[in-house]
Every structure is written in structure tokens, then in C-alpha cells.
Amino acid sequence: MLGLHPYVWAWILFQASVVAIGIAVAFAHATADGSGGEPVPVLV
């Protein structure tokens, strides 16, 4: 689309996915109801 190499796009998508997972995990912990939620496995 912008003339970037596939490797560059793969790196950008990888970074975006890592950030998205981090936000999702943080959001899940932030919204825990304090019932001792199960630990979230982070597969990185």
C-alpha cells in the first residue's frame, strides 16, 4: 500500500499485536472484580 516491504509490514503488525495483547491483559486485570481471577497466560 505504501510501498513498504512485506517484512516491514510483518514487523508493524507484530508490534501492533503485542500492544493490543498488552492492553487487553491490562484491561482484563483492571476490570477484575477482585474474586481472585485466574492468571492470564501470555504467549509471547
PDB file of N, CA and C in Angstrom:
ATOM      1  N   MET A   1       0.843  -1.197   0.000  1.00  0.00           N
ATOM      2  CA  MET A   1       0.000   0.000   0.000  1.00  0.00           C
ATOM      3  C   MET A   1       0.882   1.253   0.000  1.00  0.00           C
ATOM      4  N   LEU A   2       1.840   1.274   0.914  1.00  0.00           N
ATOM      5  CA  LEU A   2       2.727   2.437   0.988  1.00  0.00           C
ATOM      6  C   LEU A   2       4.102   2.108   0.420  1.00  0.00           C
ATOM      7  N   GLY A   3       4.205   0.983  -0.260  1.00  0.00           N
ATOM      8  CA  GLY A   3       5.479   0.612  -0.858  1.00  0.00           C
ATOM      9  C   GLY A   3       6.473   0.019   0.129  1.00  0.00           C
ATOM     10  N   LEU A   4       5.979  -0.381   1.296  1.00  0.00           N
ATOM     11  CA  LEU A   4       6.886  -0.985   2.280  1.00  0.00           C
ATOM     12  C   LEU A   4       7.084  -2.461   1.968  1.00  0.00           C
ATOM     13  N   HIS A   5       8.221  -2.965   2.404  1.00  0.00           N
ATOM     14  CA  HIS A   5       8.496  -4.378   2.186  1.00  0.00           C
ATOM     15  C   HIS A   5       7.592  -5.229   3.080  1.00  0.00           C
ATOM     16  N   PRO A   6       7.278  -6.446   2.652  1.00  0.00           N
ATOM     17  CA  PRO A   6       6.442  -7.359   3.459  1.00  0.00           C
ATOM     18  C   PRO A   6       7.020  -7.551   4.859  1.00  0.00           C
ATOM     19  N   TYR A   7       8.353  -7.561   4.969  1.00  0.00           N
ATOM     20  CA  TYR A   7       8.985  -7.737   6.279  1.00  0.00           C
ATOM     21  C   TYR A   7       8.636  -6.575   7.201  1.00  0.00           C
ATOM     22  N   VAL A   8       8.612  -5.381   6.621  1.00  0.00           N
ATOM     23  CA  VAL A   8       8.279  -4.192   7.414  1.00  0.00           C
ATOM     24  C   VAL A   8       6.834  -4.266   7.889  1.00  0.00           C
ATOM     25  N   TRP A   9       5.934  -4.688   6.982  1.00  0.00           N
ATOM     26  CA  TRP A   9       4.530  -4.824   7.362  1.00  0.00           C
ATOM     27  C   TRP A   9       4.362  -5.890   8.436  1.00  0.00           C
ATOM     28  N   ALA A  10       5.116  -7.006   8.297  1.00  0.00           N
ATOM     29  CA  ALA A  10       5.039  -8.082   9.288  1.00  0.00           C
ATOM     30  C   ALA A  10       5.483  -7.557  10.655  1.00  0.00           C
ATOM     31  N   TRP A  11       6.545  -6.746  10.675  1.00  0.00           N
ATOM     32  CA  TRP A  11       7.053  -6.186  11.934  1.00  0.00           C
ATOM     33  C   TRP A  11       6.031  -5.227  12.541  1.00  0.00           C
ATOM     34  N   ILE A  12       5.421  -4.399  11.704  1.00  0.00           N
ATOM     35  CA  ILE A  12       4.417  -3.447  12.191  1.00  0.00           C
ATOM     36  C   ILE A  12       3.216  -4.193  12.777  1.00  0.00           C
ATOM     37  N   LEU A  13       2.751  -5.219  12.073  1.00  0.00           N
ATOM     38  CA  LEU A  13       1.606  -5.990  12.558  1.00  0.00           C
ATOM     39  C   LEU A  13       1.964  -6.722  13.844  1.00  0.00           C
ATOM     40  N   PHE A  14       3.212  -7.217  13.918  1.00  0.00           N
ATOM     41  CA  PHE A  14       3.658  -7.917  15.129  1.00  0.00           C
ATOM     42  C   PHE A  14       3.656  -6.967  16.322  1.00  0.00           C
ATOM     43  N   GLN A  15       4.218  -5.776  16.123  1.00  0.00           N
ATOM     44  CA  GLN A  15       4.247  -4.789  17.202  1.00  0.00           C
ATOM     45  C   GLN A  15       2.829  -4.399  17.609  1.00  0.00           C
ATOM     46  N   ALA A  16       1.940  -4.228  16.629  1.00  0.00           N
ATOM     47  CA  ALA A  16       0.563  -3.850  16.923  1.00  0.00           C
ATOM     48  C   ALA A  16      -0.137  -4.944  17.735  1.00  0.00           C
ATOM     49  N   SER A  17       0.151  -6.206  17.391  1.00  0.00           N
ATOM     50  CA  SER A  17      -0.480  -7.313  18.111  1.00  0.00           C
ATOM     51  C   SER A  17       0.036  -7.379  19.545  1.00  0.00           C
ATOM     52  N   VAL A  18       1.322  -7.130  19.727  1.00  0.00           N
ATOM     53  CA  VAL A  18       1.892  -7.144  21.076  1.00  0.00           C
ATOM     54  C   VAL A  18       1.256  -6.052  21.928  1.00  0.00           C
ATOM     55  N   VAL A  19       1.114  -4.864  21.351  1.00  0.00           N
ATOM     56  CA  VAL A  19       0.493  -3.750  22.078  1.00  0.00           C
ATOM     57  C   VAL A  19      -0.963  -4.070  22.395  1.00  0.00           C
ATOM     58  N   ALA A  20      -1.664  -4.653  21.418  1.00  0.00           N
ATOM     59  CA  ALA A  20      -3.076  -4.986  21.619  1.00  0.00           C
ATOM     60  C   ALA A  20      -3.232  -6.019  22.730  1.00  0.00           C
ATOM     61  N   ILE A  21      -2.344  -7.021  22.739  1.00  0.00           N
ATOM     62  CA  ILE A  21      -2.409  -8.052  23.787  1.00  0.00           C
ATOM     63  C   ILE A  21      -2.107  -7.429  25.151  1.00  0.00           C
ATOM     64  N   GLY A  22      -1.120  -6.549  25.174  1.00  0.00           N
ATOM     65  CA  GLY A  22      -0.763  -5.885  26.437  1.00  0.00           C
ATOM     66  C   GLY A  22      -1.929  -5.069  26.979  1.00  0.00           C
ATOM     67  N   ILE A  23      -2.600  -4.343  26.090  1.00  0.00           N
ATOM     68  CA  ILE A  23      -3.752  -3.535  26.507  1.00  0.00           C
ATOM     69  C   ILE A  23      -4.890  -4.447  26.976  1.00  0.00           C
ATOM     70  N   ALA A  24      -5.107  -5.548  26.251  1.00  0.00           N
ATOM     71  CA  ALA A  24      -6.181  -6.471  26.614  1.00  0.00           C
ATOM     72  C   ALA A  24      -5.926  -7.081  27.990  1.00  0.00           C
ATOM     73  N   VAL A  25      -4.678  -7.480  28.234  1.00  0.00           N
ATOM     74  CA  VAL A  25      -4.337  -8.081  29.529  1.00  0.00           C
ATOM     75  C   VAL A  25      -4.476  -7.047  30.637  1.00  0.00           C
ATOM     76  N   ALA A  26      -3.981  -5.837  30.397  1.00  0.00           N
ATOM     77  CA  ALA A  26      -4.080  -4.781  31.398  1.00  0.00           C
ATOM     78  C   ALA A  26      -5.542  -4.449  31.676  1.00  0.00           C
ATOM     79  N   PHE A  27      -6.352  -4.403  30.624  1.00  0.00           N
ATOM     80  CA  PHE A  27      -7.777  -4.092  30.769  1.00  0.00           C
ATOM     81  C   PHE A  27      -8.473  -5.198  31.551  1.00  0.00           C
ATOM     82  N   ALA A  28      -8.110  -6.450  31.271  1.00  0.00           N
ATOM     83  CA  ALA A  28      -8.722  -7.578  31.973  1.00  0.00           C
ATOM     84  C   ALA A  28      -8.388  -7.515  33.459  1.00  0.00           C
ATOM     85  N   HIS A  29      -7.136  -7.181  33.784  1.00  0.00           N
ATOM     86  CA  HIS A  29      -6.746  -7.093  35.188  1.00  0.00           C
ATOM     87  C   HIS A  29      -7.402  -5.884  35.854  1.00  0.00           C
ATOM     88  N   ALA A  30      -7.526  -4.794  35.112  1.00  0.00           N
ATOM     89  CA  ALA A  30      -8.101  -3.569  35.672  1.00  0.00           C
ATOM     90  C   ALA A  30      -9.586  -3.751  35.959  1.00  0.00           C
ATOM     91  N   THR A  31     -10.245  -4.621  35.186  1.00  0.00           N
ATOM     92  CA  THR A  31     -11.685  -4.805  35.362  1.00  0.00           C
ATOM     93  C   THR A  31     -12.005  -6.042  36.190  1.00  0.00           C
ATOM     94  N   ALA A  32     -10.959  -6.615  36.824  1.00  0.00           N
ATOM     95  CA  ALA A  32     -11.197  -7.802  37.658  1.00  0.00           C
ATOM     96  C   ALA A  32     -12.090  -7.404  38.825  1.00  0.00           C
ATOM     97  N   ASP A  33     -13.032  -8.292  39.147  1.00  0.00           N
ATOM     98  CA  ASP A  33     -13.975  -7.966  40.224  1.00  0.00           C
ATOM     99  C   ASP A  33     -13.414  -8.323  41.594  1.00  0.00           C
ATOM    100  N   GLY A  34     -12.118  -8.662  41.637  1.00  0.00           N
ATOM    101  CA  GLY A  34     -11.489  -8.949  42.925  1.00  0.00           C
ATOM    102  C   GLY A  34     -11.822 -10.328  43.456  1.00  0.00           C
ATOM    103  N   SER A  35     -12.302 -11.228  42.604  1.00  0.00           N
ATOM    104  CA  SER A  35     -12.650 -12.569  43.063  1.00  0.00           C
ATOM    105  C   SER A  35     -11.482 -13.544  42.896  1.00  0.00           C
ATOM    106  N   GLY A  36     -10.268 -12.974  42.787  1.00  0.00           N
ATOM    107  CA  GLY A  36      -9.115 -13.842  42.605  1.00  0.00           C
ATOM    108  C   GLY A  36      -9.135 -14.492  41.252  1.00  0.00           C
ATOM    109  N   GLY A  37      -9.217 -13.657  40.218  1.00  0.00           N
ATOM    110  CA  GLY A  37      -9.310 -14.170  38.848  1.00  0.00           C
ATOM    111  C   GLY A  37      -8.121 -15.043  38.492  1.00  0.00           C
ATOM    112  N   GLU A  38      -8.341 -15.950  37.551  1.00  0.00           N
ATOM    113  CA  GLU A  38      -7.267 -16.835  37.130  1.00  0.00           C
ATOM    114  C   GLU A  38      -6.198 -16.044  36.399  1.00  0.00           C
ATOM    115  N   PRO A  39      -4.923 -16.446  36.564  1.00  0.00           N
ATOM    116  CA  PRO A  39      -3.845 -15.733  35.866  1.00  0.00           C
ATOM    117  C   PRO A  39      -4.001 -15.903  34.355  1.00  0.00           C
ATOM    118  N   VAL A  40      -3.699 -14.823  33.639  1.00  0.00           N
ATOM    119  CA  VAL A  40      -3.840 -14.851  32.186  1.00  0.00           C
ATOM    120  C   VAL A  40      -2.532 -15.298  31.543  1.00  0.00           C
ATOM    121  N   PRO A  41      -2.531 -16.398  30.825  1.00  0.00           N
ATOM    122  CA  PRO A  41      -1.302 -16.862  30.169  1.00  0.00           C
ATOM    123  C   PRO A  41      -0.924 -15.939  29.022  1.00  0.00           C
ATOM    124  N   VAL A  42       0.296 -15.419  29.054  1.00  0.00           N
ATOM    125  CA  VAL A  42       0.752 -14.526  27.998  1.00  0.00           C
ATOM    126  C   VAL A  42       1.702 -15.305  27.099  1.00  0.00           C
ATOM    127  N   LEU A  43       1.253 -15.572  25.878  1.00  0.00           N
ATOM    128  CA  LEU A  43       2.078 -16.347  24.947  1.00  0.00           C
ATOM    129  C   LEU A  43       2.823 -15.431  24.017  1.00  0.00           C
ATOM    130  N   VAL A  44       4.012 -15.025  24.442  1.00  0.00           N
ATOM    131  CA  VAL A  44       4.840 -14.138  23.604  1.00  0.00           C
ATOM    132  C   VAL A  44       6.170 -14.802  23.344  1.00  0.00           C
TER     133      VAL A  44
END
